[in-house]
């Protein structure tokens, strides 16, 4: 095998390793240290937003940072150590996001993947974080899920406008689809059907828009 192809030979192992790393439910670990099972309290979401409400702010900050590192570390290993391009390295980060959203350790369902996705962007191209953070704050302030998600949905277009590699833009489009799919899926006990799914898309909640503040996760939801 040529030296140029050697990094790709390790790519499947990197994908599996990133998925397993992403599957570690740090928010649930922090909650269990405090005698709480996030699946049975609050929104039932195993993420930093629910952890903040049920256990405390600082525990959620620690969990959020740990979740972010789950996205950053695999991308940096793939890009800086293994020499993979931005598209392939980004896919390794996406494997960590998938692990966070559908953890093998949580029987297939855990957090929302936002912090891990932010960590992916940090490892891939840090300026992306400014864009997504601005939209996240806007969405949180106006109480609408669509505004917060626009930052992620428009990332591929931003990538093209910045002259980034096409493979990176395609990878970001896949990331946006995964995050939206996880939002539409909701929590384990979320109502099923088209109308509840649309409410989750529009308001990031299972209740009516007038009461979105009661259950919306806010910027710390992971």
N, C-alpha and C. Protein backbone atom coordinates (compact mmCIF):
# COMPACT_ATOMS: atom_id res chain seq x y z
N UNK A 1 0.84 -1.19 0.00
CA UNK A 1 0.00 0.00 0.00
C UNK A 1 0.88 1.25 0.00
N UNK A 2 0.53 2.25 -0.86
CA UNK A 2 1.33 3.46 -0.94
C UNK A 2 1.20 4.27 0.34
N UNK A 3 2.22 5.08 0.57
CA UNK A 3 2.22 5.91 1.78
C UNK A 3 1.05 6.89 1.79
N UNK A 4 0.64 7.34 0.61
CA UNK A 4 -0.47 8.30 0.51
C UNK A 4 -1.80 7.69 0.95
N UNK A 5 -1.94 6.37 0.77
CA UNK A 5 -3.20 5.71 1.12
C UNK A 5 -3.21 5.18 2.55
N UNK A 6 -2.10 5.22 3.24
CA UNK A 6 -2.03 4.67 4.59
C UNK A 6 -3.05 5.28 5.56
N UNK A 7 -3.24 6.63 5.56
CA UNK A 7 -4.23 7.20 6.49
C UNK A 7 -5.63 6.64 6.28
N UNK A 8 -6.01 6.41 5.01
CA UNK A 8 -7.34 5.88 4.73
C UNK A 8 -7.51 4.47 5.24
N UNK A 9 -6.44 3.72 5.36
CA UNK A 9 -6.52 2.36 5.87
C UNK A 9 -6.98 2.35 7.32
N UNK A 10 -6.66 3.41 8.05
CA UNK A 10 -7.03 3.49 9.46
C UNK A 10 -8.38 4.20 9.67
N UNK A 11 -8.94 4.72 8.58
CA UNK A 11 -10.17 5.51 8.69
C UNK A 11 -11.33 4.73 9.30
N UNK A 12 -11.60 3.47 8.91
CA UNK A 12 -12.70 2.74 9.54
C UNK A 12 -12.52 2.58 11.05
N UNK A 13 -11.28 2.31 11.50
CA UNK A 13 -11.02 2.18 12.93
C UNK A 13 -11.26 3.51 13.64
N UNK A 14 -10.88 4.61 12.98
CA UNK A 14 -11.13 5.93 13.55
C UNK A 14 -12.63 6.18 13.69
N UNK A 15 -13.40 5.77 12.71
CA UNK A 15 -14.85 5.95 12.75
C UNK A 15 -15.47 5.19 13.91
N UNK A 16 -15.06 3.94 14.08
CA UNK A 16 -15.59 3.12 15.18
C UNK A 16 -15.19 3.70 16.52
N UNK A 17 -13.90 4.08 16.64
CA UNK A 17 -13.43 4.66 17.88
C UNK A 17 -14.15 5.95 18.22
N UNK A 18 -14.40 6.80 17.21
CA UNK A 18 -15.11 8.06 17.44
C UNK A 18 -16.54 7.80 17.88
N UNK A 19 -17.19 6.81 17.26
CA UNK A 19 -18.56 6.48 17.67
C UNK A 19 -18.60 6.04 19.13
N UNK A 20 -17.68 5.18 19.53
CA UNK A 20 -17.67 4.69 20.91
C UNK A 20 -17.37 5.82 21.89
N UNK A 21 -16.45 6.72 21.51
CA UNK A 21 -16.17 7.87 22.36
C UNK A 21 -17.39 8.76 22.47
N UNK A 22 -18.05 9.01 21.34
CA UNK A 22 -19.25 9.83 21.35
C UNK A 22 -20.38 9.22 22.16
N UNK A 23 -20.38 7.92 22.28
CA UNK A 23 -21.45 7.22 22.99
C UNK A 23 -21.38 7.38 24.51
N UNK A 24 -20.24 7.84 25.03
CA UNK A 24 -20.12 8.01 26.48
C UNK A 24 -21.05 9.13 26.92
N UNK A 25 -22.07 8.84 27.73
CA UNK A 25 -23.08 9.85 28.11
C UNK A 25 -22.62 10.65 29.34
N UNK A 26 -21.77 11.65 29.11
CA UNK A 26 -21.20 12.38 30.23
C UNK A 26 -22.26 13.06 31.10
N UNK A 27 -23.32 13.56 30.49
CA UNK A 27 -24.38 14.19 31.29
C UNK A 27 -25.03 13.18 32.22
N UNK A 28 -25.27 11.98 31.71
CA UNK A 28 -25.86 10.94 32.54
C UNK A 28 -24.88 10.51 33.64
N UNK A 29 -23.59 10.45 33.31
CA UNK A 29 -22.58 10.10 34.32
C UNK A 29 -22.60 11.13 35.45
N UNK A 30 -22.61 12.43 35.09
CA UNK A 30 -22.65 13.49 36.10
C UNK A 30 -23.92 13.41 36.93
N UNK A 31 -25.02 13.10 36.27
CA UNK A 31 -26.29 12.99 36.99
C UNK A 31 -26.28 11.82 37.95
N UNK A 32 -25.77 10.69 37.51
CA UNK A 32 -25.75 9.51 38.37
C UNK A 32 -24.86 9.71 39.59
N UNK A 33 -23.79 10.51 39.41
CA UNK A 33 -22.94 10.84 40.57
C UNK A 33 -23.78 11.55 41.64
N UNK A 34 -24.77 12.30 41.19
CA UNK A 34 -25.65 13.02 42.10
C UNK A 34 -26.95 12.27 42.41
N UNK A 35 -27.00 11.00 42.03
CA UNK A 35 -28.16 10.18 42.35
C UNK A 35 -29.38 10.43 41.49
N UNK A 36 -29.18 10.97 40.28
CA UNK A 36 -30.29 11.30 39.39
C UNK A 36 -30.14 10.53 38.09
N UNK A 37 -31.27 10.03 37.57
CA UNK A 37 -31.30 9.40 36.25
C UNK A 37 -32.03 10.35 35.32
N UNK A 38 -31.31 10.98 34.39
CA UNK A 38 -31.91 11.99 33.52
C UNK A 38 -33.04 11.45 32.67
N UNK A 39 -33.06 10.18 32.43
CA UNK A 39 -34.11 9.60 31.62
C UNK A 39 -35.46 9.64 32.31
N UNK A 40 -35.44 9.83 33.64
CA UNK A 40 -36.68 9.77 34.43
C UNK A 40 -37.10 11.12 35.00
N UNK A 41 -36.38 12.20 34.64
CA UNK A 41 -36.71 13.51 35.20
C UNK A 41 -36.70 14.56 34.09
N UNK A 42 -37.35 15.68 34.35
CA UNK A 42 -37.35 16.79 33.40
C UNK A 42 -37.86 16.40 32.04
N UNK A 43 -37.10 16.75 31.01
CA UNK A 43 -37.49 16.43 29.64
C UNK A 43 -37.20 14.98 29.26
N UNK A 44 -36.45 14.29 30.10
CA UNK A 44 -36.04 12.93 29.80
C UNK A 44 -34.86 12.87 28.86
N UNK A 45 -34.35 14.03 28.44
CA UNK A 45 -33.22 14.08 27.52
C UNK A 45 -31.91 13.93 28.29
N UNK A 46 -31.05 13.07 27.79
CA UNK A 46 -29.76 12.83 28.45
C UNK A 46 -28.75 13.82 27.87
N UNK A 47 -28.91 15.09 28.25
CA UNK A 47 -28.04 16.15 27.77
C UNK A 47 -27.81 17.19 28.83
N UNK A 48 -26.93 18.15 28.52
CA UNK A 48 -26.53 19.14 29.51
C UNK A 48 -27.66 20.09 29.88
N UNK A 49 -28.61 20.34 28.96
CA UNK A 49 -29.73 21.20 29.28
C UNK A 49 -30.57 20.62 30.40
N UNK A 50 -30.92 19.35 30.28
CA UNK A 50 -31.70 18.68 31.32
C UNK A 50 -30.87 18.53 32.60
N UNK A 51 -29.58 18.28 32.46
CA UNK A 51 -28.69 18.16 33.62
C UNK A 51 -28.64 19.47 34.39
N UNK A 52 -28.60 20.60 33.69
CA UNK A 52 -28.55 21.91 34.35
C UNK A 52 -29.78 22.13 35.22
N UNK A 53 -30.95 21.80 34.70
CA UNK A 53 -32.18 22.02 35.45
C UNK A 53 -32.30 21.07 36.64
N UNK A 54 -31.88 19.82 36.45
CA UNK A 54 -32.13 18.81 37.48
C UNK A 54 -31.00 18.67 38.50
N UNK A 55 -29.77 19.03 38.12
CA UNK A 55 -28.63 18.84 39.03
C UNK A 55 -27.93 20.15 39.35
N UNK A 56 -27.69 20.98 38.33
CA UNK A 56 -27.03 22.25 38.60
C UNK A 56 -26.21 22.73 37.42
N UNK A 57 -25.96 24.04 37.41
CA UNK A 57 -25.27 24.67 36.29
C UNK A 57 -23.86 24.14 36.09
N UNK A 58 -23.07 24.07 37.16
CA UNK A 58 -21.66 23.71 36.99
C UNK A 58 -21.49 22.27 36.54
N UNK A 59 -22.35 21.39 36.98
CA UNK A 59 -22.30 20.01 36.49
C UNK A 59 -22.57 19.98 34.99
N UNK A 60 -23.52 20.82 34.55
CA UNK A 60 -23.86 20.85 33.12
C UNK A 60 -22.73 21.45 32.30
N UNK A 61 -22.02 22.43 32.87
CA UNK A 61 -20.88 23.03 32.17
C UNK A 61 -19.78 21.99 31.94
N UNK A 62 -19.48 21.22 32.99
CA UNK A 62 -18.46 20.18 32.88
C UNK A 62 -18.87 19.14 31.83
N UNK A 63 -20.14 18.73 31.90
CA UNK A 63 -20.63 17.73 30.94
C UNK A 63 -20.61 18.28 29.52
N UNK A 64 -20.99 19.56 29.36
CA UNK A 64 -20.99 20.17 28.04
C UNK A 64 -19.59 20.24 27.44
N UNK A 65 -18.61 20.59 28.28
CA UNK A 65 -17.23 20.64 27.79
C UNK A 65 -16.74 19.25 27.40
N UNK A 66 -17.08 18.26 28.22
CA UNK A 66 -16.68 16.88 27.90
C UNK A 66 -17.34 16.41 26.61
N UNK A 67 -18.62 16.77 26.43
CA UNK A 67 -19.31 16.40 25.19
C UNK A 67 -18.67 17.09 23.99
N UNK A 68 -18.25 18.34 24.17
CA UNK A 68 -17.58 19.04 23.08
C UNK A 68 -16.27 18.39 22.68
N UNK A 69 -15.52 17.96 23.69
CA UNK A 69 -14.23 17.31 23.41
C UNK A 69 -14.42 16.00 22.66
N UNK A 70 -15.58 15.36 22.83
CA UNK A 70 -15.85 14.13 22.08
C UNK A 70 -15.87 14.39 20.58
N UNK A 71 -16.23 15.62 20.19
CA UNK A 71 -16.21 15.96 18.77
C UNK A 71 -14.87 16.49 18.31
N UNK A 72 -14.19 17.22 19.19
CA UNK A 72 -12.91 17.84 18.81
C UNK A 72 -11.79 16.81 18.66
N UNK A 73 -11.65 15.94 19.66
CA UNK A 73 -10.52 15.01 19.70
C UNK A 73 -10.44 14.11 18.46
N UNK A 74 -11.53 13.45 18.05
CA UNK A 74 -11.42 12.58 16.87
C UNK A 74 -11.04 13.33 15.59
N UNK A 75 -11.58 14.56 15.45
CA UNK A 75 -11.27 15.34 14.25
C UNK A 75 -9.80 15.72 14.23
N UNK A 76 -9.27 16.15 15.37
CA UNK A 76 -7.86 16.53 15.42
C UNK A 76 -6.94 15.34 15.18
N UNK A 77 -7.31 14.19 15.73
CA UNK A 77 -6.50 12.99 15.49
C UNK A 77 -6.50 12.64 14.01
N UNK A 78 -7.70 12.68 13.39
CA UNK A 78 -7.81 12.33 11.97
C UNK A 78 -7.08 13.34 11.09
N UNK A 79 -7.18 14.61 11.44
CA UNK A 79 -6.62 15.67 10.58
C UNK A 79 -5.13 15.91 10.82
N UNK A 80 -4.77 16.04 12.09
CA UNK A 80 -3.40 16.46 12.41
C UNK A 80 -2.44 15.28 12.54
N UNK A 81 -2.92 14.14 13.01
CA UNK A 81 -2.03 12.99 13.22
C UNK A 81 -2.08 12.03 12.05
N UNK A 82 -3.30 11.71 11.59
CA UNK A 82 -3.43 10.75 10.49
C UNK A 82 -3.33 11.40 9.11
N UNK A 83 -3.43 12.72 9.06
CA UNK A 83 -3.27 13.41 7.79
C UNK A 83 -4.44 13.33 6.84
N UNK A 84 -5.64 13.06 7.38
CA UNK A 84 -6.83 13.00 6.52
C UNK A 84 -7.28 14.40 6.14
N UNK A 85 -7.97 14.50 5.00
CA UNK A 85 -8.50 15.77 4.55
C UNK A 85 -9.69 16.21 5.38
N UNK A 86 -10.17 17.44 5.18
CA UNK A 86 -11.26 17.97 6.01
C UNK A 86 -12.56 17.17 5.89
N UNK A 87 -12.85 16.66 4.70
CA UNK A 87 -14.08 15.88 4.55
C UNK A 87 -14.02 14.58 5.32
N UNK A 88 -12.93 13.83 5.16
CA UNK A 88 -12.78 12.55 5.87
C UNK A 88 -12.65 12.77 7.38
N UNK A 89 -11.89 13.80 7.78
CA UNK A 89 -11.76 14.10 9.20
C UNK A 89 -13.10 14.52 9.80
N UNK A 90 -13.87 15.28 9.03
CA UNK A 90 -15.19 15.69 9.50
C UNK A 90 -16.13 14.52 9.68
N UNK A 91 -16.03 13.53 8.79
CA UNK A 91 -16.88 12.33 8.93
C UNK A 91 -16.53 11.56 10.21
N UNK A 92 -15.26 11.58 10.59
CA UNK A 92 -14.88 10.95 11.86
C UNK A 92 -15.57 11.69 13.01
N UNK A 93 -15.61 13.02 12.94
CA UNK A 93 -16.33 13.78 13.95
C UNK A 93 -17.81 13.49 13.95
N UNK A 94 -18.39 13.30 12.75
CA UNK A 94 -19.81 12.97 12.67
C UNK A 94 -20.09 11.63 13.34
N UNK A 95 -19.14 10.69 13.24
CA UNK A 95 -19.32 9.41 13.93
C UNK A 95 -19.46 9.63 15.44
N UNK A 96 -18.71 10.59 15.98
CA UNK A 96 -18.84 10.91 17.41
C UNK A 96 -20.20 11.54 17.71
N UNK A 97 -20.69 12.39 16.79
CA UNK A 97 -22.01 13.00 16.97
C UNK A 97 -23.10 11.93 16.96
N UNK A 98 -22.99 11.00 16.03
CA UNK A 98 -23.97 9.90 15.96
C UNK A 98 -23.92 9.07 17.25
N UNK A 99 -22.70 8.83 17.76
CA UNK A 99 -22.58 8.11 19.01
C UNK A 99 -23.24 8.84 20.15
N UNK A 100 -23.10 10.16 20.17
CA UNK A 100 -23.74 10.95 21.23
C UNK A 100 -25.26 10.89 21.12
N UNK A 101 -25.78 11.01 19.89
CA UNK A 101 -27.23 11.03 19.69
C UNK A 101 -27.87 9.66 19.88
N UNK A 102 -27.17 8.62 19.47
CA UNK A 102 -27.71 7.26 19.54
C UNK A 102 -26.65 6.35 20.17
N UNK A 103 -26.51 6.50 21.48
CA UNK A 103 -25.43 5.84 22.21
C UNK A 103 -25.70 4.36 22.40
N UNK A 104 -24.69 3.57 22.11
CA UNK A 104 -24.79 2.13 22.34
C UNK A 104 -24.90 1.82 23.83
N UNK A 105 -24.40 2.73 24.66
CA UNK A 105 -24.44 2.54 26.11
C UNK A 105 -25.77 2.97 26.72
N UNK A 106 -26.61 3.66 25.92
CA UNK A 106 -27.91 4.13 26.41
C UNK A 106 -29.05 3.49 25.62
N UNK A 107 -28.79 2.32 25.07
CA UNK A 107 -29.79 1.58 24.31
C UNK A 107 -30.32 2.38 23.12
N UNK A 108 -29.42 3.12 22.49
CA UNK A 108 -29.76 3.75 21.23
C UNK A 108 -30.30 5.16 21.29
N UNK A 109 -30.42 5.79 22.46
CA UNK A 109 -30.93 7.15 22.52
C UNK A 109 -30.25 7.90 23.64
N UNK A 110 -29.75 9.10 23.33
CA UNK A 110 -29.15 9.89 24.41
C UNK A 110 -29.35 11.37 24.12
N UNK A 111 -28.27 12.16 23.95
CA UNK A 111 -28.41 13.60 23.84
C UNK A 111 -28.75 14.08 22.44
N UNK A 112 -28.63 15.39 22.25
CA UNK A 112 -29.04 16.03 21.01
C UNK A 112 -27.89 16.23 20.04
N UNK A 113 -26.66 16.14 20.50
CA UNK A 113 -25.52 16.22 19.61
C UNK A 113 -24.98 17.62 19.35
N UNK A 114 -25.53 18.65 20.00
CA UNK A 114 -25.12 20.02 19.69
C UNK A 114 -23.72 20.33 20.21
N UNK A 115 -23.43 19.97 21.45
CA UNK A 115 -22.10 20.26 22.00
C UNK A 115 -21.02 19.47 21.26
N UNK A 116 -21.31 18.21 20.95
CA UNK A 116 -20.35 17.39 20.22
C UNK A 116 -20.15 17.93 18.81
N UNK A 117 -21.21 18.43 18.20
CA UNK A 117 -21.09 19.05 16.87
C UNK A 117 -20.26 20.33 16.95
N UNK A 118 -20.46 21.11 18.01
CA UNK A 118 -19.65 22.31 18.19
C UNK A 118 -18.18 21.95 18.34
N UNK A 119 -17.92 20.86 19.06
CA UNK A 119 -16.54 20.39 19.19
C UNK A 119 -15.96 19.96 17.86
N UNK A 120 -16.79 19.34 17.03
CA UNK A 120 -16.35 18.96 15.68
C UNK A 120 -15.91 20.20 14.90
N UNK A 121 -16.74 21.25 14.95
CA UNK A 121 -16.41 22.48 14.23
C UNK A 121 -15.13 23.11 14.76
N UNK A 122 -14.93 23.04 16.06
CA UNK A 122 -13.71 23.60 16.65
C UNK A 122 -12.47 22.90 16.11
N UNK A 123 -12.55 21.59 15.97
CA UNK A 123 -11.41 20.85 15.45
C UNK A 123 -11.24 21.00 13.95
N UNK A 124 -12.34 21.25 13.26
CA UNK A 124 -12.30 21.32 11.79
C UNK A 124 -11.92 22.71 11.29
N UNK A 125 -12.68 23.72 11.73
CA UNK A 125 -12.46 25.11 11.29
C UNK A 125 -13.11 26.02 12.31
N UNK A 126 -12.38 26.49 13.32
CA UNK A 126 -12.95 27.24 14.45
C UNK A 126 -13.88 28.40 14.09
N UNK A 127 -13.64 29.17 13.01
CA UNK A 127 -14.56 30.28 12.70
C UNK A 127 -16.02 29.86 12.53
N UNK A 128 -16.25 28.60 12.19
CA UNK A 128 -17.64 28.13 12.08
C UNK A 128 -18.39 28.32 13.39
N UNK A 129 -17.69 28.24 14.51
CA UNK A 129 -18.35 28.34 15.82
C UNK A 129 -18.97 29.71 16.03
N UNK A 130 -18.36 30.75 15.51
CA UNK A 130 -18.91 32.10 15.68
C UNK A 130 -20.28 32.18 15.01
N UNK A 131 -20.36 31.61 13.83
CA UNK A 131 -21.62 31.60 13.07
C UNK A 131 -22.72 30.84 13.82
N UNK A 132 -22.44 29.62 14.22
CA UNK A 132 -23.47 28.80 14.87
C UNK A 132 -23.84 29.36 16.25
N UNK A 133 -22.85 29.91 16.97
CA UNK A 133 -23.14 30.46 18.30
C UNK A 133 -24.08 31.66 18.19
N UNK A 134 -23.87 32.50 17.20
CA UNK A 134 -24.75 33.65 17.01
C UNK A 134 -26.19 33.25 16.76
N UNK A 135 -26.37 32.27 15.89
CA UNK A 135 -27.72 31.78 15.61
C UNK A 135 -28.33 31.08 16.82
N UNK A 136 -27.51 30.36 17.59
CA UNK A 136 -28.02 29.66 18.78
C UNK A 136 -28.56 30.65 19.80
N UNK A 137 -27.82 31.72 20.04
CA UNK A 137 -28.27 32.75 20.99
C UNK A 137 -29.54 33.41 20.48
N UNK A 138 -29.60 33.70 19.18
CA UNK A 138 -30.80 34.30 18.60
C UNK A 138 -32.00 33.39 18.79
N UNK A 139 -31.83 32.11 18.49
CA UNK A 139 -32.93 31.17 18.65
C UNK A 139 -33.38 31.05 20.09
N UNK A 140 -32.43 31.08 21.03
CA UNK A 140 -32.76 30.98 22.46
C UNK A 140 -33.52 32.21 22.91
N UNK A 141 -33.10 33.38 22.46
CA UNK A 141 -33.72 34.63 22.91
C UNK A 141 -35.14 34.78 22.40
N UNK A 142 -35.39 34.39 21.15
CA UNK A 142 -36.73 34.56 20.61
C UNK A 142 -37.61 33.34 20.86
N UNK A 143 -37.01 32.28 21.41
CA UNK A 143 -37.81 31.12 21.79
C UNK A 143 -38.26 30.26 20.64
N UNK A 144 -37.54 30.26 19.54
CA UNK A 144 -37.93 29.46 18.40
C UNK A 144 -36.85 28.49 17.99
N UNK A 145 -37.22 27.24 17.77
CA UNK A 145 -36.23 26.24 17.39
C UNK A 145 -35.65 26.47 16.01
N UNK A 146 -36.44 27.04 15.11
CA UNK A 146 -35.98 27.23 13.74
C UNK A 146 -34.79 28.18 13.69
N UNK A 147 -34.89 29.29 14.41
CA UNK A 147 -33.81 30.28 14.38
C UNK A 147 -32.50 29.68 14.88
N UNK A 148 -32.58 28.92 15.97
CA UNK A 148 -31.37 28.30 16.51
C UNK A 148 -30.76 27.30 15.56
N UNK A 149 -31.61 26.62 14.81
CA UNK A 149 -31.11 25.59 13.90
C UNK A 149 -30.59 26.17 12.59
N UNK A 150 -30.99 27.40 12.26
CA UNK A 150 -30.58 27.98 10.98
C UNK A 150 -29.06 28.04 10.85
N UNK A 151 -28.39 28.29 11.96
CA UNK A 151 -26.93 28.35 11.92
C UNK A 151 -26.32 27.06 11.42
N UNK A 152 -26.90 25.93 11.86
CA UNK A 152 -26.40 24.63 11.42
C UNK A 152 -26.83 24.34 9.99
N UNK A 153 -28.08 24.67 9.65
CA UNK A 153 -28.60 24.37 8.32
C UNK A 153 -27.86 25.15 7.24
N UNK A 154 -27.41 26.35 7.57
CA UNK A 154 -26.75 27.21 6.58
C UNK A 154 -25.23 27.02 6.55
N UNK A 155 -24.71 26.16 7.39
CA UNK A 155 -23.26 25.94 7.41
C UNK A 155 -22.69 25.51 6.05
N UNK A 156 -23.34 24.61 5.32
CA UNK A 156 -22.78 24.25 4.00
C UNK A 156 -22.64 25.44 3.07
N UNK A 157 -23.64 26.34 3.10
CA UNK A 157 -23.58 27.53 2.25
C UNK A 157 -22.45 28.44 2.71
N UNK A 158 -22.31 28.60 4.02
CA UNK A 158 -21.20 29.40 4.55
C UNK A 158 -19.87 28.80 4.14
N UNK A 159 -19.78 27.47 4.18
CA UNK A 159 -18.54 26.80 3.81
C UNK A 159 -18.17 27.09 2.36
N UNK A 160 -19.16 27.03 1.47
CA UNK A 160 -18.91 27.32 0.06
C UNK A 160 -18.48 28.77 -0.12
N UNK A 161 -19.15 29.69 0.59
CA UNK A 161 -18.83 31.11 0.45
C UNK A 161 -17.42 31.43 0.95
N UNK A 162 -16.93 30.62 1.90
CA UNK A 162 -15.58 30.82 2.42
C UNK A 162 -14.52 30.13 1.58
N UNK A 163 -14.96 29.43 0.54
CA UNK A 163 -14.01 28.75 -0.33
C UNK A 163 -13.41 27.50 0.28
N UNK A 164 -14.15 26.88 1.22
CA UNK A 164 -13.66 25.66 1.85
C UNK A 164 -13.80 24.49 0.86
N UNK A 165 -13.10 23.38 1.11
CA UNK A 165 -13.16 22.23 0.19
C UNK A 165 -14.59 21.70 0.03
N UNK A 166 -14.99 21.29 -1.18
CA UNK A 166 -16.34 20.76 -1.40
C UNK A 166 -16.69 19.59 -0.49
N UNK A 167 -15.71 18.71 -0.21
CA UNK A 167 -15.99 17.57 0.66
C UNK A 167 -16.38 18.03 2.06
N UNK A 168 -15.82 19.15 2.51
CA UNK A 168 -16.18 19.70 3.82
C UNK A 168 -17.60 20.23 3.80
N UNK A 169 -17.99 20.90 2.72
CA UNK A 169 -19.35 21.42 2.60
C UNK A 169 -20.37 20.29 2.61
N UNK A 170 -20.08 19.22 1.90
CA UNK A 170 -20.98 18.06 1.88
C UNK A 170 -21.07 17.42 3.25
N UNK A 171 -19.96 17.33 3.95
CA UNK A 171 -19.96 16.77 5.28
C UNK A 171 -20.82 17.61 6.23
N UNK A 172 -20.76 18.93 6.10
CA UNK A 172 -21.56 19.82 6.95
C UNK A 172 -23.05 19.69 6.65
N UNK A 173 -23.38 19.44 5.39
CA UNK A 173 -24.78 19.19 5.03
C UNK A 173 -25.29 17.92 5.71
N UNK A 174 -24.45 16.89 5.72
CA UNK A 174 -24.82 15.65 6.41
C UNK A 174 -24.99 15.89 7.90
N UNK A 175 -24.10 16.68 8.49
CA UNK A 175 -24.21 16.99 9.92
C UNK A 175 -25.52 17.69 10.23
N UNK A 176 -25.90 18.65 9.39
CA UNK A 176 -27.16 19.37 9.61
C UNK A 176 -28.36 18.43 9.53
N UNK A 177 -28.33 17.50 8.59
CA UNK A 177 -29.43 16.53 8.46
C UNK A 177 -29.52 15.64 9.70
N UNK A 178 -28.38 15.23 10.24
CA UNK A 178 -28.37 14.38 11.43
C UNK A 178 -28.95 15.12 12.62
N UNK A 179 -28.55 16.38 12.80
CA UNK A 179 -29.05 17.16 13.92
C UNK A 179 -30.56 17.39 13.81
N UNK A 180 -31.03 17.68 12.61
CA UNK A 180 -32.46 17.87 12.43
C UNK A 180 -33.23 16.57 12.65
N UNK A 181 -32.66 15.46 12.17
CA UNK A 181 -33.31 14.17 12.40
C UNK A 181 -33.44 13.85 13.87
N UNK A 182 -32.39 14.16 14.63
CA UNK A 182 -32.45 13.91 16.08
C UNK A 182 -33.48 14.80 16.75
N UNK A 183 -33.59 16.05 16.27
CA UNK A 183 -34.60 16.94 16.84
C UNK A 183 -36.01 16.43 16.55
N UNK A 184 -36.25 16.02 15.33
CA UNK A 184 -37.58 15.52 14.96
C UNK A 184 -37.91 14.27 15.76
N UNK A 185 -36.91 13.45 16.02
CA UNK A 185 -37.14 12.21 16.77
C UNK A 185 -37.62 12.49 18.18
N UNK A 186 -37.11 13.54 18.82
CA UNK A 186 -37.54 13.89 20.16
C UNK A 186 -37.01 12.92 21.21
N UNK A 187 -37.62 12.97 22.39
CA UNK A 187 -37.23 12.10 23.49
C UNK A 187 -38.00 10.78 23.42
N UNK A 188 -37.66 9.86 24.29
CA UNK A 188 -38.29 8.53 24.25
C UNK A 188 -39.80 8.62 24.39
N UNK A 189 -40.27 9.52 25.27
CA UNK A 189 -41.71 9.62 25.52
C UNK A 189 -42.37 10.76 24.74
N UNK A 190 -41.68 11.31 23.74
CA UNK A 190 -42.27 12.39 22.94
C UNK A 190 -43.45 11.88 22.12
N UNK A 191 -44.48 12.72 21.95
CA UNK A 191 -45.62 12.32 21.12
C UNK A 191 -45.18 12.03 19.69
N UNK A 192 -45.83 11.07 19.07
CA UNK A 192 -45.50 10.70 17.70
C UNK A 192 -46.52 11.30 16.73
N UNK A 193 -46.15 11.37 15.48
CA UNK A 193 -47.04 11.92 14.46
C UNK A 193 -46.46 13.16 13.82
N UNK A 194 -47.12 13.60 12.75
CA UNK A 194 -46.61 14.73 11.96
C UNK A 194 -46.66 16.04 12.73
N UNK A 195 -47.77 16.32 13.40
CA UNK A 195 -47.93 17.60 14.11
C UNK A 195 -46.91 17.74 15.25
N UNK A 196 -46.75 16.73 16.12
CA UNK A 196 -45.71 16.87 17.15
C UNK A 196 -44.31 17.03 16.57
N UNK A 197 -44.04 16.33 15.45
CA UNK A 197 -42.72 16.45 14.82
C UNK A 197 -42.50 17.87 14.31
N UNK A 198 -43.53 18.48 13.71
CA UNK A 198 -43.41 19.85 13.23
C UNK A 198 -43.20 20.83 14.39
N UNK A 199 -43.85 20.57 15.53
CA UNK A 199 -43.65 21.43 16.69
C UNK A 199 -42.20 21.36 17.17
N UNK A 200 -41.64 20.16 17.10
CA UNK A 200 -40.24 20.04 17.52
C UNK A 200 -39.31 20.77 16.56
N UNK A 201 -39.66 20.75 15.26
CA UNK A 201 -38.85 21.47 14.28
C UNK A 201 -38.96 22.98 14.48
N UNK A 202 -40.19 23.47 14.66
CA UNK A 202 -40.43 24.91 14.74
C UNK A 202 -40.06 25.51 16.09
N UNK A 203 -40.38 24.77 17.18
CA UNK A 203 -40.22 25.34 18.51
C UNK A 203 -39.20 24.62 19.38
N UNK A 204 -38.66 23.51 18.89
CA UNK A 204 -37.73 22.71 19.68
C UNK A 204 -38.37 22.25 20.98
N UNK A 205 -39.63 21.86 20.91
CA UNK A 205 -40.37 21.44 22.08
C UNK A 205 -41.56 20.61 21.64
N UNK A 206 -42.21 19.93 22.58
CA UNK A 206 -43.40 19.14 22.27
C UNK A 206 -44.68 19.88 22.63
N UNK A 207 -44.56 21.10 23.17
CA UNK A 207 -45.76 21.86 23.56
C UNK A 207 -45.98 22.98 22.58
N UNK A 208 -47.09 23.69 22.75
CA UNK A 208 -47.44 24.77 21.84
C UNK A 208 -46.43 25.91 21.92
N UNK A 209 -46.31 26.66 20.84
CA UNK A 209 -45.35 27.74 20.78
C UNK A 209 -45.51 28.75 21.89
N UNK A 210 -46.76 28.97 22.41
CA UNK A 210 -46.98 29.94 23.47
C UNK A 210 -46.33 29.53 24.76
N UNK A 211 -45.98 28.26 24.90
CA UNK A 211 -45.40 27.76 26.15
C UNK A 211 -44.01 27.20 25.92
N UNK A 212 -43.37 27.64 24.86
CA UNK A 212 -42.11 27.05 24.50
C UNK A 212 -41.07 27.17 25.58
N UNK A 213 -41.15 28.20 26.40
CA UNK A 213 -40.15 28.40 27.44
C UNK A 213 -40.19 27.33 28.50
N UNK A 214 -41.31 26.59 28.60
CA UNK A 214 -41.43 25.58 29.65
C UNK A 214 -40.53 24.39 29.42
N UNK A 215 -40.26 24.06 28.15
CA UNK A 215 -39.53 22.85 27.90
C UNK A 215 -38.37 22.99 26.94
N UNK A 216 -38.24 24.13 26.28
CA UNK A 216 -37.14 24.28 25.33
C UNK A 216 -35.81 24.12 26.04
N UNK A 217 -34.88 23.47 25.41
CA UNK A 217 -33.61 23.16 26.04
C UNK A 217 -32.71 24.36 26.19
N UNK A 218 -32.74 25.31 25.25
CA UNK A 218 -31.85 26.45 25.32
C UNK A 218 -30.46 26.10 24.80
N UNK A 219 -29.51 27.08 24.83
CA UNK A 219 -28.20 26.90 24.22
C UNK A 219 -27.39 25.76 24.79
N UNK A 220 -27.65 25.35 26.05
CA UNK A 220 -26.83 24.30 26.66
C UNK A 220 -27.31 22.90 26.35
N UNK A 221 -28.42 22.79 25.62
CA UNK A 221 -28.89 21.44 25.28
C UNK A 221 -27.85 20.74 24.45
N UNK A 222 -27.51 19.50 24.82
CA UNK A 222 -26.50 18.78 24.07
C UNK A 222 -27.01 17.45 23.59
